[in-house]
Amino acid sequence: MTRTLLLGLALLAVPRALPAQSVTGIRNLTFGTVIPGVPTTVLQNDAVRSGQFRIAGVFVRNVTIGFTLPTVMNGPLGATMPITFLNNSAGFTTVFQGNTPFNPNTPYNETVWFNSTITLGGRVNPTPTQRSGTYTANIVMTVIFL
C-alpha cells in the first residue's frame, strides 16, 4: 500500500502600512539687515539664518527633493531685490549622515533615515539705491517619496 502525503503551503502577502510622513518648514531663510550695494550671503549650514525643513516619520525611504525658488524678493512700494541660490546652497542631514551640501536648483535624490533635515541658504544682491524695508519671497520644497 502506497501512501501519498501532500503538504500545502499558502503564501500570504499583507501590505504593511507606512508610517505617517510629514514635511514641515521649521525656520525661514533670513538675511537680516542688508546694506544697499553690498551682497549678503547666508550659508546653508548657518544655525540661525538658514531656512530649515524637516522630513519626519520615515524609516529608510528614497526621496527626490526639489525646490521652486524665487529670483527676486518683493519689498515696499513694488521694489524688488535679486536673490540667487548657488550649487551648494542646500544641505541634507540625517541621524546617520552629516551635512551633505547639494544644489537646490536641480532635483536631489537621497535616502531619508527616520527624521532628516534640509537646510537652505542663499544670496541677495541689493542695488546701491535699494529701497529700505522688508523683502519677502516664497520658497516651495517638494518631496517625492519613491
N, C-alpha and C. Protein backbone atom coordinates (compact mmCIF):
# COMPACT_ATOMS: atom_id res chain seq x y z
N MET A 1 0.84 -1.16 0.00
CA MET A 1 0.00 0.00 0.00
C MET A 1 0.90 1.24 0.00
N THR A 2 0.67 2.12 -0.92
CA THR A 2 1.44 3.35 -1.02
C THR A 2 0.59 4.49 -0.52
N ARG A 3 1.22 5.26 0.28
CA ARG A 3 0.51 6.45 0.79
C ARG A 3 1.22 7.69 0.25
N THR A 4 0.46 8.63 -0.14
CA THR A 4 1.00 9.89 -0.62
C THR A 4 0.59 10.97 0.37
N LEU A 5 1.58 11.71 0.78
CA LEU A 5 1.31 12.81 1.71
C LEU A 5 1.51 14.11 0.95
N LEU A 6 0.49 14.87 0.88
CA LEU A 6 0.57 16.15 0.21
C LEU A 6 0.60 17.26 1.26
N LEU A 7 1.55 18.08 1.14
CA LEU A 7 1.64 19.24 2.03
C LEU A 7 1.33 20.48 1.21
N GLY A 8 0.49 21.29 1.76
CA GLY A 8 0.16 22.54 1.07
C GLY A 8 0.80 23.71 1.79
N LEU A 9 1.27 24.61 1.06
CA LEU A 9 1.87 25.81 1.64
C LEU A 9 1.19 27.01 1.01
N ALA A 10 0.63 27.83 1.83
CA ALA A 10 -0.03 29.04 1.32
C ALA A 10 0.85 30.24 1.65
N LEU A 11 1.08 31.03 0.69
CA LEU A 11 1.82 32.27 0.90
C LEU A 11 0.83 33.40 1.04
N LEU A 12 1.06 34.18 2.02
CA LEU A 12 0.16 35.28 2.29
C LEU A 12 0.96 36.57 2.29
N ALA A 13 0.59 37.50 1.47
CA ALA A 13 1.27 38.80 1.43
C ALA A 13 0.32 39.84 2.01
N VAL A 14 0.78 40.46 3.06
CA VAL A 14 -0.01 41.50 3.69
C VAL A 14 0.76 42.81 3.57
N PRO A 15 0.22 43.77 2.85
CA PRO A 15 0.93 45.04 2.73
C PRO A 15 1.05 45.70 4.09
N ARG A 16 2.23 46.22 4.34
CA ARG A 16 2.49 46.90 5.59
C ARG A 16 2.12 48.37 5.44
N ALA A 17 1.41 48.87 6.40
CA ALA A 17 1.05 50.29 6.37
C ALA A 17 2.29 51.13 6.61
N LEU A 18 2.45 52.14 5.81
CA LEU A 18 3.57 53.05 6.00
C LEU A 18 3.28 54.00 7.15
N PRO A 19 4.31 54.37 7.91
CA PRO A 19 4.08 55.34 8.97
C PRO A 19 3.71 56.69 8.36
N ALA A 20 3.07 57.50 9.16
CA ALA A 20 2.72 58.85 8.69
C ALA A 20 3.99 59.60 8.34
N GLN A 21 3.97 60.25 7.21
CA GLN A 21 5.14 61.01 6.75
C GLN A 21 4.76 62.48 6.72
N SER A 22 5.70 63.31 7.13
CA SER A 22 5.40 64.74 7.10
C SER A 22 6.63 65.52 6.67
N VAL A 23 6.36 66.62 6.01
CA VAL A 23 7.41 67.57 5.64
C VAL A 23 6.98 68.91 6.22
N THR A 24 7.82 69.48 7.06
CA THR A 24 7.46 70.68 7.80
C THR A 24 8.52 71.75 7.65
N GLY A 25 8.09 72.98 7.45
CA GLY A 25 9.00 74.11 7.49
C GLY A 25 9.29 74.45 8.95
N ILE A 26 10.55 74.51 9.32
CA ILE A 26 10.95 74.76 10.70
C ILE A 26 11.38 76.21 10.90
N ARG A 27 12.16 76.72 9.95
CA ARG A 27 12.73 78.06 10.11
C ARG A 27 12.83 78.73 8.74
N ASN A 28 12.50 80.02 8.68
CA ASN A 28 12.62 80.79 7.44
C ASN A 28 14.07 81.15 7.15
N LEU A 29 14.41 81.25 5.88
CA LEU A 29 15.69 81.81 5.45
C LEU A 29 15.62 83.31 5.71
N THR A 30 16.57 83.84 6.49
CA THR A 30 16.53 85.24 6.90
C THR A 30 17.88 85.90 6.64
N PHE A 31 17.86 87.04 5.97
CA PHE A 31 19.10 87.75 5.66
C PHE A 31 19.43 88.83 6.67
N GLY A 32 18.48 89.21 7.50
CA GLY A 32 18.74 90.26 8.49
C GLY A 32 18.88 91.62 7.81
N THR A 33 19.65 92.49 8.41
CA THR A 33 19.87 93.82 7.86
C THR A 33 20.80 93.73 6.66
N VAL A 34 20.34 94.24 5.52
CA VAL A 34 21.11 94.22 4.28
C VAL A 34 21.47 95.66 3.94
N ILE A 35 22.73 95.88 3.59
CA ILE A 35 23.22 97.22 3.25
C ILE A 35 23.12 97.41 1.74
N PRO A 36 22.52 98.52 1.28
CA PRO A 36 22.41 98.76 -0.16
C PRO A 36 23.78 98.65 -0.84
N GLY A 37 23.79 97.94 -1.96
CA GLY A 37 25.02 97.79 -2.75
C GLY A 37 25.96 96.70 -2.25
N VAL A 38 25.66 96.07 -1.13
CA VAL A 38 26.54 95.04 -0.57
C VAL A 38 25.82 93.68 -0.58
N PRO A 39 26.29 92.74 -1.42
CA PRO A 39 25.67 91.42 -1.44
C PRO A 39 25.78 90.75 -0.07
N THR A 40 24.75 89.99 0.29
CA THR A 40 24.74 89.28 1.56
C THR A 40 24.45 87.81 1.30
N THR A 41 25.29 86.95 1.87
CA THR A 41 25.14 85.51 1.70
C THR A 41 24.84 84.85 3.04
N VAL A 42 23.88 83.94 3.02
CA VAL A 42 23.60 83.07 4.17
C VAL A 42 23.97 81.66 3.72
N LEU A 43 24.87 81.02 4.45
CA LEU A 43 25.27 79.66 4.12
C LEU A 43 24.19 78.67 4.55
N GLN A 44 24.10 77.55 3.87
CA GLN A 44 23.07 76.56 4.18
C GLN A 44 23.26 75.96 5.57
N ASN A 45 24.45 76.01 6.13
CA ASN A 45 24.66 75.45 7.46
C ASN A 45 24.69 76.51 8.56
N ASP A 46 24.22 77.73 8.25
CA ASP A 46 24.11 78.78 9.26
C ASP A 46 23.02 78.37 10.26
N ALA A 47 23.39 78.24 11.52
CA ALA A 47 22.48 77.71 12.55
C ALA A 47 21.36 78.66 12.92
N VAL A 48 21.43 79.91 12.49
CA VAL A 48 20.42 80.90 12.88
C VAL A 48 19.63 81.42 11.67
N ARG A 49 20.32 81.70 10.56
CA ARG A 49 19.66 82.39 9.45
C ARG A 49 19.24 81.50 8.28
N SER A 50 19.78 80.29 8.17
CA SER A 50 19.40 79.42 7.05
C SER A 50 17.97 78.93 7.22
N GLY A 51 17.30 78.66 6.10
CA GLY A 51 15.98 78.06 6.15
C GLY A 51 16.12 76.59 6.53
N GLN A 52 15.10 76.05 7.18
CA GLN A 52 15.20 74.66 7.60
C GLN A 52 13.85 73.96 7.43
N PHE A 53 13.91 72.75 6.87
CA PHE A 53 12.75 71.89 6.69
C PHE A 53 13.05 70.55 7.35
N ARG A 54 12.02 69.84 7.76
CA ARG A 54 12.20 68.51 8.34
C ARG A 54 11.27 67.51 7.66
N ILE A 55 11.86 66.35 7.33
CA ILE A 55 11.09 65.22 6.83
C ILE A 55 11.03 64.23 8.00
N ALA A 56 9.83 63.89 8.45
CA ALA A 56 9.70 63.05 9.64
C ALA A 56 8.79 61.85 9.36
N GLY A 57 8.90 60.86 10.23
CA GLY A 57 8.03 59.69 10.15
C GLY A 57 8.40 58.72 9.06
N VAL A 58 9.65 58.76 8.63
CA VAL A 58 10.08 57.91 7.53
C VAL A 58 11.19 56.99 8.02
N PHE A 59 11.11 55.72 7.68
CA PHE A 59 12.17 54.78 8.03
C PHE A 59 12.78 54.26 6.74
N VAL A 60 13.94 54.74 6.41
CA VAL A 60 14.71 54.33 5.24
C VAL A 60 13.85 54.36 3.96
N ARG A 61 13.78 55.52 3.38
CA ARG A 61 12.95 55.72 2.18
C ARG A 61 13.71 56.59 1.19
N ASN A 62 13.72 56.22 -0.07
CA ASN A 62 14.32 57.06 -1.10
C ASN A 62 13.37 58.19 -1.44
N VAL A 63 13.92 59.36 -1.62
CA VAL A 63 13.12 60.54 -1.95
C VAL A 63 13.82 61.36 -3.02
N THR A 64 13.03 62.16 -3.70
CA THR A 64 13.56 63.21 -4.57
C THR A 64 13.09 64.53 -3.97
N ILE A 65 14.05 65.42 -3.74
CA ILE A 65 13.77 66.73 -3.16
C ILE A 65 13.94 67.78 -4.24
N GLY A 66 12.94 68.60 -4.42
CA GLY A 66 13.00 69.68 -5.41
C GLY A 66 12.54 70.99 -4.80
N PHE A 67 13.04 72.07 -5.30
CA PHE A 67 12.66 73.39 -4.83
C PHE A 67 12.10 74.23 -5.97
N THR A 68 11.14 75.06 -5.66
CA THR A 68 10.71 76.14 -6.53
C THR A 68 11.26 77.39 -5.88
N LEU A 69 12.25 77.98 -6.53
CA LEU A 69 13.00 79.09 -5.92
C LEU A 69 12.70 80.41 -6.63
N PRO A 70 12.58 81.48 -5.86
CA PRO A 70 12.36 82.80 -6.47
C PRO A 70 13.66 83.36 -7.04
N THR A 71 13.53 84.31 -7.94
CA THR A 71 14.70 85.03 -8.47
C THR A 71 14.77 86.44 -7.90
N VAL A 72 13.65 86.91 -7.34
CA VAL A 72 13.61 88.22 -6.68
C VAL A 72 12.79 88.13 -5.41
N MET A 73 13.08 89.03 -4.48
CA MET A 73 12.26 89.20 -3.29
C MET A 73 11.49 90.49 -3.48
N ASN A 74 10.25 90.52 -3.01
CA ASN A 74 9.39 91.69 -3.17
C ASN A 74 9.41 92.53 -1.91
N GLY A 75 9.53 93.85 -2.11
CA GLY A 75 9.62 94.77 -0.99
C GLY A 75 8.59 95.87 -1.06
N PRO A 76 8.86 96.95 -0.33
CA PRO A 76 7.90 98.06 -0.25
C PRO A 76 7.73 98.80 -1.57
N LEU A 77 6.50 99.22 -1.83
CA LEU A 77 6.15 100.04 -3.00
C LEU A 77 6.64 99.45 -4.32
N GLY A 78 6.55 98.11 -4.43
CA GLY A 78 6.92 97.45 -5.67
C GLY A 78 8.41 97.22 -5.87
N ALA A 79 9.23 97.54 -4.89
CA ALA A 79 10.67 97.32 -5.00
C ALA A 79 10.97 95.82 -5.01
N THR A 80 12.02 95.43 -5.72
CA THR A 80 12.46 94.04 -5.73
C THR A 80 13.95 93.97 -5.44
N MET A 81 14.39 92.82 -4.97
CA MET A 81 15.81 92.58 -4.72
C MET A 81 16.16 91.18 -5.25
N PRO A 82 17.19 91.09 -6.10
CA PRO A 82 17.57 89.79 -6.66
C PRO A 82 18.05 88.82 -5.57
N ILE A 83 17.66 87.56 -5.72
CA ILE A 83 18.12 86.51 -4.83
C ILE A 83 18.58 85.33 -5.69
N THR A 84 19.69 84.70 -5.31
CA THR A 84 20.22 83.56 -6.05
C THR A 84 20.54 82.42 -5.08
N PHE A 85 20.59 81.23 -5.65
CA PHE A 85 20.90 80.03 -4.89
C PHE A 85 22.01 79.30 -5.64
N LEU A 86 23.14 79.12 -4.99
CA LEU A 86 24.32 78.55 -5.63
C LEU A 86 24.29 77.03 -5.56
N ASN A 87 25.30 76.39 -6.18
CA ASN A 87 25.36 74.92 -6.25
C ASN A 87 25.39 74.23 -4.90
N ASN A 88 25.85 74.91 -3.87
CA ASN A 88 25.93 74.30 -2.54
C ASN A 88 25.05 75.03 -1.53
N SER A 89 23.98 75.65 -2.00
CA SER A 89 23.11 76.44 -1.12
C SER A 89 22.14 75.61 -0.29
N ALA A 90 22.06 74.31 -0.54
CA ALA A 90 21.18 73.45 0.25
C ALA A 90 22.01 72.37 0.93
N GLY A 91 21.46 71.80 2.00
CA GLY A 91 22.15 70.74 2.71
C GLY A 91 21.17 69.69 3.20
N PHE A 92 21.64 68.46 3.30
CA PHE A 92 20.82 67.34 3.74
C PHE A 92 21.54 66.66 4.91
N THR A 93 20.81 66.47 6.03
CA THR A 93 21.40 65.86 7.22
C THR A 93 20.45 64.81 7.78
N THR A 94 21.01 63.65 8.18
CA THR A 94 20.22 62.63 8.87
C THR A 94 20.96 62.24 10.15
N VAL A 95 20.34 61.36 10.91
CA VAL A 95 20.95 60.86 12.13
C VAL A 95 22.26 60.14 11.81
N PHE A 96 22.31 59.47 10.67
CA PHE A 96 23.47 58.65 10.32
C PHE A 96 24.45 59.33 9.37
N GLN A 97 24.12 60.51 8.92
CA GLN A 97 24.94 61.17 7.89
C GLN A 97 25.07 62.64 8.24
N GLY A 98 26.29 63.13 8.22
CA GLY A 98 26.49 64.55 8.46
C GLY A 98 25.93 65.38 7.32
N ASN A 99 26.09 66.66 7.41
CA ASN A 99 25.55 67.58 6.41
C ASN A 99 26.19 67.35 5.05
N THR A 100 25.35 67.10 4.04
CA THR A 100 25.81 66.94 2.66
C THR A 100 25.25 68.09 1.84
N PRO A 101 26.11 69.02 1.37
CA PRO A 101 25.61 70.11 0.53
C PRO A 101 25.11 69.59 -0.81
N PHE A 102 24.09 70.27 -1.35
CA PHE A 102 23.61 69.94 -2.69
C PHE A 102 23.06 71.19 -3.37
N ASN A 103 22.83 71.06 -4.67
CA ASN A 103 22.36 72.17 -5.49
C ASN A 103 20.83 72.22 -5.46
N PRO A 104 20.24 73.27 -4.88
CA PRO A 104 18.78 73.34 -4.82
C PRO A 104 18.12 73.69 -6.14
N ASN A 105 18.93 74.02 -7.16
CA ASN A 105 18.39 74.38 -8.47
C ASN A 105 18.02 73.17 -9.31
N THR A 106 18.41 71.97 -8.88
CA THR A 106 18.09 70.74 -9.59
C THR A 106 17.55 69.72 -8.60
N PRO A 107 16.73 68.77 -9.04
CA PRO A 107 16.22 67.74 -8.13
C PRO A 107 17.37 66.95 -7.51
N TYR A 108 17.19 66.60 -6.24
CA TYR A 108 18.22 65.90 -5.48
C TYR A 108 17.63 64.59 -4.95
N ASN A 109 18.33 63.47 -5.23
CA ASN A 109 17.88 62.16 -4.77
C ASN A 109 18.68 61.75 -3.55
N GLU A 110 17.98 61.24 -2.55
CA GLU A 110 18.63 60.88 -1.29
C GLU A 110 17.81 59.81 -0.59
N THR A 111 18.41 59.19 0.42
CA THR A 111 17.69 58.23 1.27
C THR A 111 17.43 58.89 2.61
N VAL A 112 16.17 58.91 3.01
CA VAL A 112 15.78 59.51 4.28
C VAL A 112 15.83 58.42 5.35
N TRP A 113 16.46 58.74 6.47
CA TRP A 113 16.53 57.83 7.62
C TRP A 113 15.83 58.51 8.78
N PHE A 114 14.74 57.92 9.24
CA PHE A 114 13.98 58.46 10.38
C PHE A 114 13.64 59.92 10.09
N ASN A 115 14.19 60.84 10.87
CA ASN A 115 13.97 62.27 10.64
C ASN A 115 15.19 62.83 9.91
N SER A 116 14.95 63.58 8.88
CA SER A 116 16.03 64.21 8.12
C SER A 116 15.78 65.71 8.06
N THR A 117 16.87 66.46 7.98
CA THR A 117 16.78 67.92 7.94
C THR A 117 17.35 68.43 6.63
N ILE A 118 16.65 69.35 6.02
CA ILE A 118 17.11 70.02 4.81
C ILE A 118 17.29 71.49 5.16
N THR A 119 18.45 72.05 4.86
CA THR A 119 18.71 73.46 5.12
C THR A 119 18.90 74.18 3.80
N LEU A 120 18.65 75.49 3.81
CA LEU A 120 18.75 76.29 2.59
C LEU A 120 19.32 77.66 2.89
N GLY A 121 20.35 78.01 2.17
CA GLY A 121 20.92 79.36 2.23
C GLY A 121 20.68 80.05 0.91
N GLY A 122 21.23 81.22 0.75
CA GLY A 122 21.06 81.97 -0.49
C GLY A 122 21.86 83.26 -0.45
N ARG A 123 21.73 84.04 -1.51
CA ARG A 123 22.48 85.29 -1.63
C ARG A 123 21.57 86.36 -2.20
N VAL A 124 21.53 87.53 -1.56
CA VAL A 124 20.80 88.67 -2.10
C VAL A 124 21.80 89.69 -2.61
N ASN A 125 21.41 90.40 -3.67
CA ASN A 125 22.27 91.40 -4.30
C ASN A 125 21.54 92.73 -4.39
N PRO A 126 21.53 93.49 -3.30
CA PRO A 126 20.83 94.77 -3.33
C PRO A 126 21.58 95.78 -4.20
N THR A 127 20.83 96.64 -4.87
CA THR A 127 21.44 97.69 -5.66
C THR A 127 21.95 98.79 -4.73
N PRO A 128 22.82 99.67 -5.20
CA PRO A 128 23.29 100.78 -4.35
C PRO A 128 22.15 101.70 -3.92
N THR A 129 21.05 101.70 -4.67
CA THR A 129 19.91 102.55 -4.31
C THR A 129 18.72 101.73 -3.82
N GLN A 130 19.01 100.57 -3.26
CA GLN A 130 17.93 99.67 -2.82
C GLN A 130 17.06 100.35 -1.78
N ARG A 131 15.76 100.29 -1.98
CA ARG A 131 14.79 100.87 -1.05
C ARG A 131 14.83 100.09 0.27
N SER A 132 14.79 100.79 1.37
CA SER A 132 14.79 100.11 2.68
C SER A 132 13.41 99.55 2.96
N GLY A 133 13.38 98.51 3.78
CA GLY A 133 12.12 97.87 4.15
C GLY A 133 12.27 96.37 4.18
N THR A 134 11.16 95.70 4.39
CA THR A 134 11.14 94.25 4.47
C THR A 134 10.86 93.65 3.09
N TYR A 135 11.65 92.66 2.72
CA TYR A 135 11.51 91.97 1.44
C TYR A 135 11.20 90.49 1.71
N THR A 136 10.28 89.94 0.95
CA THR A 136 9.89 88.55 1.15
C THR A 136 9.73 87.84 -0.20
N ALA A 137 9.80 86.53 -0.15
CA ALA A 137 9.53 85.68 -1.32
C ALA A 137 9.17 84.30 -0.80
N ASN A 138 8.45 83.55 -1.60
CA ASN A 138 8.07 82.19 -1.23
C ASN A 138 9.04 81.18 -1.79
N ILE A 139 9.38 80.20 -0.98
CA ILE A 139 10.20 79.06 -1.39
C ILE A 139 9.34 77.82 -1.16
N VAL A 140 9.25 76.97 -2.17
CA VAL A 140 8.48 75.74 -2.05
C VAL A 140 9.41 74.56 -2.18
N MET A 141 9.36 73.65 -1.21
CA MET A 141 10.12 72.41 -1.27
C MET A 141 9.13 71.28 -1.53
N THR A 142 9.43 70.45 -2.53
CA THR A 142 8.59 69.31 -2.86
C THR A 142 9.40 68.04 -2.58
N VAL A 143 8.80 67.12 -1.85
CA VAL A 143 9.45 65.84 -1.55
C VAL A 143 8.59 64.73 -2.16
N ILE A 144 9.21 63.96 -3.02
CA ILE A 144 8.53 62.82 -3.65
C ILE A 144 9.10 61.55 -3.04
N PHE A 145 8.23 60.78 -2.38
CA PHE A 145 8.65 59.52 -1.77
C PHE A 145 8.62 58.44 -2.85
N LEU A 146 9.74 57.80 -3.06
CA LEU A 146 9.87 56.79 -4.13
C LEU A 146 9.61 55.39 -3.59
